[in-house]
Amino acid sequence: MMWMSIALIVIVTEAILYDLYKESRKQEPKKENESLDTIEERLKALEDQVSSIRVAQGMRRRDG
Protein backbone atom coordinates (compact mmCIF):
# COMPACT_ATOMS: atom_id res chain seq x y z
CA MET A 1 0.00 0.00 0.00
CA MET A 2 2.87 2.36 0.77
CA TRP A 3 4.43 1.76 -2.65
CA MET A 4 1.17 2.71 -4.34
CA SER A 5 1.07 5.97 -2.39
CA ILE A 6 4.65 6.81 -3.36
CA ALA A 7 3.98 5.94 -7.01
CA LEU A 8 0.86 8.10 -7.01
CA ILE A 9 2.76 11.04 -5.53
CA VAL A 10 5.53 10.68 -8.13
CA ILE A 11 3.06 10.48 -11.03
CA VAL A 12 1.07 13.51 -9.84
CA THR A 13 4.27 15.51 -9.28
CA GLU A 14 5.51 14.71 -12.79
CA ALA A 15 2.15 15.72 -14.27
CA ILE A 16 2.18 19.04 -12.42
CA LEU A 17 5.77 19.79 -13.40
CA TYR A 18 4.99 18.94 -17.05
CA ASP A 19 2.05 21.36 -17.05
CA LEU A 20 4.17 24.10 -15.48
CA TYR A 21 6.92 23.52 -18.04
CA LYS A 22 4.45 23.63 -20.91
CA GLU A 23 2.95 26.90 -19.64
CA SER A 24 6.36 28.52 -19.19
CA ARG A 25 7.34 27.61 -22.76
CA LYS A 26 4.14 29.21 -24.09
CA GLN A 27 4.64 32.54 -22.35
CA GLU A 28 8.10 33.27 -23.74
CA PRO A 29 7.79 35.23 -26.98
CA LYS A 30 10.31 34.37 -29.63
CA LYS A 31 12.62 37.15 -30.77
CA GLU A 32 13.01 36.15 -34.39
CA ASN A 33 12.57 39.64 -35.81
CA GLU A 34 15.15 41.37 -33.66
CA SER A 35 16.86 44.13 -35.57
CA LEU A 36 20.56 44.06 -36.36
CA ASP A 37 21.13 47.33 -34.48
CA THR A 38 19.72 45.85 -31.28
CA ILE A 39 21.94 42.79 -31.61
CA GLU A 40 25.01 44.97 -32.17
CA GLU A 41 24.19 47.07 -29.09
CA ARG A 42 23.79 43.96 -26.94
CA LEU A 43 27.06 42.54 -28.29
CA LYS A 44 28.91 45.76 -27.46
CA ALA A 45 27.46 45.76 -23.94
CA LEU A 46 28.59 42.16 -23.42
CA GLU A 47 32.07 42.98 -24.72
CA ASP A 48 32.27 45.87 -22.24
CA GLN A 49 31.25 43.56 -19.40
CA VAL A 50 33.89 41.00 -20.36
CA SER A 51 36.50 43.74 -20.53
CA SER A 52 35.63 45.07 -17.09
CA ILE A 53 35.71 41.54 -15.63
CA ARG A 54 39.19 40.99 -17.07
CA VAL A 55 40.40 44.28 -15.62
CA ALA A 56 38.99 43.35 -12.21
CA GLN A 57 40.69 39.95 -12.33
CA GLY A 58 43.99 41.61 -13.24
CA MET A 59 43.67 43.96 -10.28
CA ARG A 60 43.03 41.04 -7.93
CA ARG A 61 46.10 39.21 -9.18
CA ARG A 62 48.27 42.27 -8.58
CA ASP A 63 46.93 42.70 -5.06
CA GLY A 64 47.84 39.07 -4.38
PDB file of N, CA and C in Angstrom:
ATOM      1  N   MET A   1       0.827  -1.190   0.000  1.00  0.00           N
ATOM      2  CA  MET A   1       0.000   0.000   0.000  1.00  0.00           C
ATOM      3  C   MET A   1       0.875   1.259   0.000  1.00  0.00           C
ATOM      4  N   MET A   2       1.989   1.204   0.712  1.00  0.00           N
ATOM      5  CA  MET A   2       2.868   2.361   0.770  1.00  0.00           C
ATOM      6  C   MET A   2       3.495   2.639  -0.589  1.00  0.00           C
ATOM      7  N   TRP A   3       3.840   1.589  -1.329  1.00  0.00           N
ATOM      8  CA  TRP A   3       4.428   1.764  -2.649  1.00  0.00           C
ATOM      9  C   TRP A   3       3.448   2.424  -3.604  1.00  0.00           C
ATOM     10  N   MET A   4       2.182   2.088  -3.470  1.00  0.00           N
ATOM     11  CA  MET A   4       1.172   2.706  -4.344  1.00  0.00           C
ATOM     12  C   MET A   4       1.048   4.194  -4.032  1.00  0.00           C
ATOM     13  N   SER A   5       1.139   4.552  -2.777  1.00  0.00           N
ATOM     14  CA  SER A   5       1.068   5.965  -2.393  1.00  0.00           C
ATOM     15  C   SER A   5       2.255   6.739  -2.947  1.00  0.00           C
ATOM     16  N   ILE A   6       3.438   6.154  -2.839  1.00  0.00           N
ATOM     17  CA  ILE A   6       4.646   6.807  -3.356  1.00  0.00           C
ATOM     18  C   ILE A   6       4.561   6.946  -4.867  1.00  0.00           C
ATOM     19  N   ALA A   7       4.113   5.891  -5.550  1.00  0.00           N
ATOM     20  CA  ALA A   7       3.978   5.942  -7.006  1.00  0.00           C
ATOM     21  C   ALA A   7       2.975   7.004  -7.419  1.00  0.00           C
ATOM     22  N   LEU A   8       1.872   7.102  -6.703  1.00  0.00           N
ATOM     23  CA  LEU A   8       0.855   8.101  -7.015  1.00  0.00           C
ATOM     24  C   LEU A   8       1.410   9.512  -6.826  1.00  0.00           C
ATOM     25  N   ILE A   9       2.163   9.721  -5.772  1.00  0.00           N
ATOM     26  CA  ILE A   9       2.760  11.041  -5.526  1.00  0.00           C
ATOM     27  C   ILE A   9       3.748  11.393  -6.642  1.00  0.00           C
ATOM     28  N   VAL A  10       4.567  10.434  -7.067  1.00  0.00           N
ATOM     29  CA  VAL A  10       5.533  10.682  -8.135  1.00  0.00           C
ATOM     30  C   VAL A  10       4.818  11.003  -9.443  1.00  0.00           C
ATOM     31  N   ILE A  11       3.784  10.258  -9.772  1.00  0.00           N
ATOM     32  CA  ILE A  11       3.058  10.484 -11.026  1.00  0.00           C
ATOM     33  C   ILE A  11       2.384  11.846 -11.019  1.00  0.00           C
ATOM     34  N   VAL A  12       1.750  12.205  -9.920  1.00  0.00           N
ATOM     35  CA  VAL A  12       1.067  13.506  -9.841  1.00  0.00           C
ATOM     36  C   VAL A  12       2.088  14.637  -9.905  1.00  0.00           C
ATOM     37  N   THR A  13       3.220  14.484  -9.247  1.00  0.00           N
ATOM     38  CA  THR A  13       4.267  15.512  -9.277  1.00  0.00           C
ATOM     39  C   THR A  13       4.797  15.702 -10.692  1.00  0.00           C
ATOM     40  N   GLU A  14       5.028  14.598 -11.413  1.00  0.00           N
ATOM     41  CA  GLU A  14       5.506  14.708 -12.787  1.00  0.00           C
ATOM     42  C   GLU A  14       4.477  15.392 -13.676  1.00  0.00           C
ATOM     43  N   ALA A  15       3.203  15.095 -13.478  1.00  0.00           N
ATOM     44  CA  ALA A  15       2.155  15.724 -14.275  1.00  0.00           C
ATOM     45  C   ALA A  15       2.095  17.227 -14.018  1.00  0.00           C
ATOM     46  N   ILE A  16       2.209  17.614 -12.770  1.00  0.00           N
ATOM     47  CA  ILE A  16       2.177  19.042 -12.425  1.00  0.00           C
ATOM     48  C   ILE A  16       3.383  19.762 -13.007  1.00  0.00           C
ATOM     49  N   LEU A  17       4.565  19.160 -12.864  1.00  0.00           N
ATOM     50  CA  LEU A  17       5.766  19.795 -13.402  1.00  0.00           C
ATOM     51  C   LEU A  17       5.704  19.898 -14.923  1.00  0.00           C
ATOM     52  N   TYR A  18       5.135  18.893 -15.592  1.00  0.00           N
ATOM     53  CA  TYR A  18       4.985  18.944 -17.047  1.00  0.00           C
ATOM     54  C   TYR A  18       4.070  20.088 -17.454  1.00  0.00           C
ATOM     55  N   ASP A  19       2.962  20.259 -16.745  1.00  0.00           N
ATOM     56  CA  ASP A  19       2.049  21.359 -17.053  1.00  0.00           C
ATOM     57  C   ASP A  19       2.714  22.709 -16.833  1.00  0.00           C
ATOM     58  N   LEU A  20       3.470  22.839 -15.745  1.00  0.00           N
ATOM     59  CA  LEU A  20       4.170  24.103 -15.485  1.00  0.00           C
ATOM     60  C   LEU A  20       5.207  24.390 -16.565  1.00  0.00           C
ATOM     61  N   TYR A  21       5.920  23.355 -16.983  1.00  0.00           N
ATOM     62  CA  TYR A  21       6.922  23.524 -18.037  1.00  0.00           C
ATOM     63  C   TYR A  21       6.262  23.947 -19.340  1.00  0.00           C
ATOM     64  N   LYS A  22       5.163  23.317 -19.669  1.00  0.00           N
ATOM     65  CA  LYS A  22       4.455  23.633 -20.910  1.00  0.00           C
ATOM     66  C   LYS A  22       3.945  25.077 -20.893  1.00  0.00           C
ATOM     67  N   GLU A  23       3.444  25.528 -19.752  1.00  0.00           N
ATOM     68  CA  GLU A  23       2.950  26.903 -19.639  1.00  0.00           C
ATOM     69  C   GLU A  23       4.091  27.908 -19.733  1.00  0.00           C
ATOM     70  N   SER A  24       5.240  27.586 -19.139  1.00  0.00           N
ATOM     71  CA  SER A  24       6.358  28.521 -19.185  1.00  0.00           C
ATOM     72  C   SER A  24       6.907  28.636 -20.602  1.00  0.00           C
ATOM     73  N   ARG A  25       6.862  27.573 -21.374  1.00  0.00           N
ATOM     74  CA  ARG A  25       7.341  27.613 -22.755  1.00  0.00           C
ATOM     75  C   ARG A  25       6.392  28.428 -23.633  1.00  0.00           C
ATOM     76  N   LYS A  26       5.120  28.448 -23.316  1.00  0.00           N
ATOM     77  CA  LYS A  26       4.139  29.208 -24.088  1.00  0.00           C
ATOM     78  C   LYS A  26       4.305  30.708 -23.897  1.00  0.00           C
ATOM     79  N   GLN A  27       4.633  31.122 -22.695  1.00  0.00           N
ATOM     80  CA  GLN A  27       4.638  32.536 -22.351  1.00  0.00           C
ATOM     81  C   GLN A  27       5.837  33.288 -22.898  1.00  0.00           C
ATOM     82  N   GLU A  28       6.912  32.593 -23.247  1.00  0.00           N
ATOM     83  CA  GLU A  28       8.104  33.270 -23.737  1.00  0.00           C
ATOM     84  C   GLU A  28       7.955  33.599 -25.215  1.00  0.00           C
ATOM     85  N   PRO A  29       7.880  34.879 -25.553  1.00  0.00           N
ATOM     86  CA  PRO A  29       7.787  35.226 -26.979  1.00  0.00           C
ATOM     87  C   PRO A  29       9.136  35.028 -27.665  1.00  0.00           C
ATOM     88  N   LYS A  30       9.073  34.574 -28.876  1.00  0.00           N
ATOM     89  CA  LYS A  30      10.313  34.368 -29.630  1.00  0.00           C
ATOM     90  C   LYS A  30      10.760  35.688 -30.234  1.00  0.00           C
ATOM     91  N   LYS A  31      12.063  35.906 -30.255  1.00  0.00           N
ATOM     92  CA  LYS A  31      12.621  37.154 -30.767  1.00  0.00           C
ATOM     93  C   LYS A  31      13.261  36.907 -32.129  1.00  0.00           C
ATOM     94  N   GLU A  32      12.466  36.459 -33.074  1.00  0.00           N
ATOM     95  CA  GLU A  32      13.012  36.151 -34.389  1.00  0.00           C
ATOM     96  C   GLU A  32      13.264  37.406 -35.223  1.00  0.00           C
ATOM     97  N   ASN A  33      12.490  38.436 -34.987  1.00  0.00           N
ATOM     98  CA  ASN A  33      12.569  39.637 -35.809  1.00  0.00           C
ATOM     99  C   ASN A  33      13.354  40.745 -35.129  1.00  0.00           C
ATOM    100  N   GLU A  34      14.345  40.378 -34.366  1.00  0.00           N
ATOM    101  CA  GLU A  34      15.150  41.372 -33.663  1.00  0.00           C
ATOM    102  C   GLU A  34      16.061  42.072 -34.670  1.00  0.00           C
ATOM    103  N   SER A  35      16.107  43.374 -34.587  1.00  0.00           N
ATOM    104  CA  SER A  35      16.864  44.130 -35.573  1.00  0.00           C
ATOM    105  C   SER A  35      18.366  43.975 -35.357  1.00  0.00           C
ATOM    106  N   LEU A  36      19.110  44.202 -36.402  1.00  0.00           N
ATOM    107  CA  LEU A  36      20.560  44.065 -36.360  1.00  0.00           C
ATOM    108  C   LEU A  36      21.181  45.091 -35.422  1.00  0.00           C
ATOM    109  N   ASP A  37      20.608  46.291 -35.376  1.00  0.00           N
ATOM    110  CA  ASP A  37      21.135  47.335 -34.484  1.00  0.00           C
ATOM    111  C   ASP A  37      21.022  46.908 -33.020  1.00  0.00           C
ATOM    112  N   THR A  38      19.914  46.303 -32.653  1.00  0.00           N
ATOM    113  CA  THR A  38      19.717  45.855 -31.283  1.00  0.00           C
ATOM    114  C   THR A  38      20.726  44.777 -30.922  1.00  0.00           C
ATOM    115  N   ILE A  39      20.972  43.866 -31.856  1.00  0.00           N
ATOM    116  CA  ILE A  39      21.937  42.794 -31.612  1.00  0.00           C
ATOM    117  C   ILE A  39      23.336  43.372 -31.445  1.00  0.00           C
ATOM    118  N   GLU A  40      23.683  44.352 -32.274  1.00  0.00           N
ATOM    119  CA  GLU A  40      25.007  44.972 -32.168  1.00  0.00           C
ATOM    120  C   GLU A  40      25.175  45.696 -30.842  1.00  0.00           C
ATOM    121  N   GLU A  41      24.123  46.369 -30.373  1.00  0.00           N
ATOM    122  CA  GLU A  41      24.189  47.067 -29.088  1.00  0.00           C
ATOM    123  C   GLU A  41      24.380  46.082 -27.935  1.00  0.00           C
ATOM    124  N   ARG A  42      23.655  44.969 -27.985  1.00  0.00           N
ATOM    125  CA  ARG A  42      23.792  43.959 -26.941  1.00  0.00           C
ATOM    126  C   ARG A  42      25.184  43.334 -26.963  1.00  0.00           C
ATOM    127  N   LEU A  43      25.722  43.105 -28.152  1.00  0.00           N
ATOM    128  CA  LEU A  43      27.059  42.540 -28.285  1.00  0.00           C
ATOM    129  C   LEU A  43      28.106  43.490 -27.709  1.00  0.00           C
ATOM    130  N   LYS A  44      27.959  44.774 -27.996  1.00  0.00           N
ATOM    131  CA  LYS A  44      28.906  45.762 -27.463  1.00  0.00           C
ATOM    132  C   LYS A  44      28.824  45.810 -25.943  1.00  0.00           C
ATOM    133  N   ALA A  45      27.620  45.747 -25.396  1.00  0.00           N
ATOM    134  CA  ALA A  45      27.464  45.758 -23.941  1.00  0.00           C
ATOM    135  C   ALA A  45      28.120  44.525 -23.316  1.00  0.00           C
ATOM    136  N   LEU A  46      27.960  43.379 -23.942  1.00  0.00           N
ATOM    137  CA  LEU A  46      28.590  42.162 -23.422  1.00  0.00           C
ATOM    138  C   LEU A  46      30.108  42.242 -23.505  1.00  0.00           C
ATOM    139  N   GLU A  47      30.629  42.812 -24.589  1.00  0.00           N
ATOM    140  CA  GLU A  47      32.073  42.978 -24.716  1.00  0.00           C
ATOM    141  C   GLU A  47      32.609  43.897 -23.629  1.00  0.00           C
ATOM    142  N   ASP A  48      31.868  44.961 -23.315  1.00  0.00           N
ATOM    143  CA  ASP A  48      32.273  45.871 -22.240  1.00  0.00           C
ATOM    144  C   ASP A  48      32.290  45.157 -20.892  1.00  0.00           C
ATOM    145  N   GLN A  49      31.300  44.298 -20.655  1.00  0.00           N
ATOM    146  CA  GLN A  49      31.253  43.556 -19.400  1.00  0.00           C
ATOM    147  C   GLN A  49      32.439  42.614 -19.283  1.00  0.00           C
ATOM    148  N   VAL A  50      32.752  41.917 -20.378  1.00  0.00           N
ATOM    149  CA  VAL A  50      33.895  41.000 -20.360  1.00  0.00           C
ATOM    150  C   VAL A  50      35.177  41.769 -20.098  1.00  0.00           C
ATOM    151  N   SER A  51      35.311  42.927 -20.721  1.00  0.00           N
ATOM    152  CA  SER A  51      36.499  43.740 -20.531  1.00  0.00           C
ATOM    153  C   SER A  51      36.631  44.180 -19.081  1.00  0.00           C
ATOM    154  N   SER A  52      35.558  44.620 -18.472  1.00  0.00           N
ATOM    155  CA  SER A  52      35.634  45.068 -17.086  1.00  0.00           C
ATOM    156  C   SER A  52      35.912  43.899 -16.138  1.00  0.00           C
ATOM    157  N   ILE A  53      35.414  42.718 -16.456  1.00  0.00           N
ATOM    158  CA  ILE A  53      35.709  41.545 -15.631  1.00  0.00           C
ATOM    159  C   ILE A  53      37.188  41.200 -15.715  1.00  0.00           C
ATOM    160  N   ARG A  54      37.763  41.282 -16.904  1.00  0.00           N
ATOM    161  CA  ARG A  54      39.194  40.988 -17.072  1.00  0.00           C
ATOM    162  C   ARG A  54      40.051  41.991 -16.320  1.00  0.00           C
ATOM    163  N   VAL A  55      39.657  43.256 -16.348  1.00  0.00           N
ATOM    164  CA  VAL A  55      40.402  44.279 -15.615  1.00  0.00           C
ATOM    165  C   VAL A  55      40.328  43.992 -14.119  1.00  0.00           C
ATOM    166  N   ALA A  56      39.147  43.629 -13.641  1.00  0.00           N
ATOM    167  CA  ALA A  56      38.986  43.345 -12.213  1.00  0.00           C
ATOM    168  C   ALA A  56      39.827  42.133 -11.805  1.00  0.00           C
ATOM    169  N   GLN A  57      39.879  41.124 -12.640  1.00  0.00           N
ATOM    170  CA  GLN A  57      40.690  39.946 -12.332  1.00  0.00           C
ATOM    171  C   GLN A  57      42.172  40.304 -12.299  1.00  0.00           C
ATOM    172  N   GLY A  58      42.593  41.157 -13.223  1.00  0.00           N
ATOM    173  CA  GLY A  58      43.986  41.607 -13.237  1.00  0.00           C
ATOM    174  C   GLY A  58      44.331  42.375 -11.979  1.00  0.00           C
ATOM    175  N   MET A  59      43.422  43.203 -11.510  1.00  0.00           N
ATOM    176  CA  MET A  59      43.669  43.962 -10.280  1.00  0.00           C
ATOM    177  C   MET A  59      43.787  43.035  -9.076  1.00  0.00           C
ATOM    178  N   ARG A  60      42.970  41.987  -9.047  1.00  0.00           N
ATOM    179  CA  ARG A  60      43.027  41.042  -7.926  1.00  0.00           C
ATOM    180  C   ARG A  60      44.360  40.295  -7.930  1.00  0.00           C
ATOM    181  N   ARG A  61      44.837  39.941  -9.095  1.00  0.00           N
ATOM    182  CA  ARG A  61      46.102  39.209  -9.182  1.00  0.00           C
ATOM    183  C   ARG A  61      47.260  40.076  -8.698  1.00  0.00           C
ATOM    184  N   ARG A  62      47.197  41.372  -9.011  1.00  0.00           N
ATOM    185  CA  ARG A  62      48.275  42.271  -8.577  1.00  0.00           C
ATOM    186  C   ARG A  62      48.253  42.459  -7.070  1.00  0.00           C
ATOM    187  N   ASP A  63      47.036  42.509  -6.509  1.00  0.00           N
ATOM    188  CA  ASP A  63      46.926  42.702  -5.057  1.00  0.00           C
ATOM    189  C   ASP A  63      47.434  41.486  -4.300  1.00  0.00           C
ATOM    190  N   GLY A  64      47.293  40.308  -4.937  1.00  0.00           N
ATOM    191  CA  GLY A  64      47.835  39.074  -4.377  1.00  0.00           C
ATOM    192  C   GLY A  64      47.174  38.671  -3.137  1.00  0.00           C
TER     193      GLY A  64
END
